[in-house]
Amino acid sequence: MSETGLSEEVARLLRCPATHQTLRQARPEELLPFGDEFPEGGFITEDGNRVYPVQSGFPILVVNSSKRLNG
């Protein structure tokens, strides 16, 4: 079980609903540009341009909830 409420197997299946890229748990340094917007962490796309928040231990994979690094 990862630090989110997901098993590693399930976490590997996650995809960005906007770009269909695979997602992985973001490292703390990758979240620095977003300040305090991701207190529980986030899942980041392969290209590192979009991050989805974690709330109550689960990723919120809703495009309007995501933040983009480049706009």
Protein backbone atom coordinates (compact mmCIF):
# COMPACT_ATOMS: atom_id res chain seq x y z
CA MET A 1 0.00 0.00 0.00
CA SER A 2 1.39 3.42 -0.94
CA GLU A 3 1.06 6.50 1.29
CA THR A 4 -2.22 7.14 -0.52
CA GLY A 5 -5.12 4.77 0.03
CA LEU A 6 -4.23 2.88 -3.15
CA SER A 7 -2.32 -0.33 -3.66
CA GLU A 8 0.78 -0.06 -5.84
CA GLU A 9 -0.96 -2.20 -8.47
CA VAL A 10 -3.93 0.18 -8.69
CA ALA A 11 -1.72 3.29 -8.64
CA ARG A 12 0.12 1.98 -11.73
CA LEU A 13 -3.17 1.91 -13.65
CA LEU A 14 -3.99 5.61 -13.14
CA ARG A 15 -4.19 7.84 -16.21
CA CYS A 16 -4.71 11.56 -16.66
CA PRO A 17 -8.30 12.11 -17.83
CA ALA A 18 -7.19 15.08 -19.96
CA THR A 19 -4.08 13.70 -21.69
CA HIS A 20 -4.29 9.95 -21.01
CA GLN A 21 -0.67 9.96 -19.82
CA THR A 22 0.26 7.64 -16.99
CA LEU A 23 0.32 9.18 -13.52
CA ARG A 24 2.70 8.60 -10.66
CA GLN A 25 2.93 9.95 -7.16
CA ALA A 26 4.66 13.33 -7.25
CA ARG A 27 7.82 13.89 -5.25
CA PRO A 28 7.69 16.81 -2.78
CA GLU A 29 10.12 18.89 -4.85
CA GLU A 30 7.83 18.56 -7.90
CA LEU A 31 5.02 20.16 -5.90
CA LEU A 32 7.06 23.19 -4.78
CA PRO A 33 5.87 25.42 -7.68
CA PHE A 34 2.31 24.99 -6.39
CA GLY A 35 2.96 26.22 -2.86
CA ASP A 36 0.50 24.81 -0.32
CA GLU A 37 -2.08 23.64 -2.88
CA PHE A 38 -1.24 19.95 -2.38
CA PRO A 39 -0.98 19.36 1.38
CA GLU A 40 -1.62 15.60 0.98
CA GLY A 41 0.51 15.22 -2.14
CA GLY A 42 -0.47 14.67 -5.73
CA PHE A 43 -0.22 12.51 -8.80
CA ILE A 44 1.73 13.94 -11.72
CA THR A 45 1.64 13.21 -15.45
CA GLU A 46 4.61 11.68 -17.32
CA ASP A 47 5.56 15.07 -18.76
CA GLY A 48 5.27 16.76 -15.34
CA ASN A 49 2.86 19.42 -16.59
CA ARG A 50 -0.33 18.46 -14.74
CA VAL A 51 -0.83 17.46 -11.10
CA TYR A 52 -3.94 15.98 -9.50
CA PRO A 53 -4.46 16.46 -5.75
CA VAL A 54 -4.75 13.74 -3.14
CA GLN A 55 -7.58 14.21 -0.66
CA SER A 56 -8.27 11.87 2.25
CA GLY A 57 -5.64 9.54 0.80
CA PHE A 58 -7.12 9.22 -2.69
CA PRO A 59 -6.26 11.02 -5.95
CA ILE A 60 -8.94 13.33 -7.31
CA LEU A 61 -8.77 12.64 -11.05
CA VAL A 62 -11.04 15.45 -12.19
CA VAL A 63 -9.56 17.82 -14.76
CA ASN A 64 -10.95 20.92 -13.02
CA SER A 65 -9.19 19.82 -9.81
CA SER A 66 -5.80 19.55 -11.48
CA LYS A 67 -3.15 22.25 -11.71
CA ARG A 68 -0.92 22.82 -14.69
CA LEU A 69 2.70 23.77 -14.33
CA ASN A 70 2.69 25.74 -17.59
CA GLY A 71 -0.57 27.64 -17.30
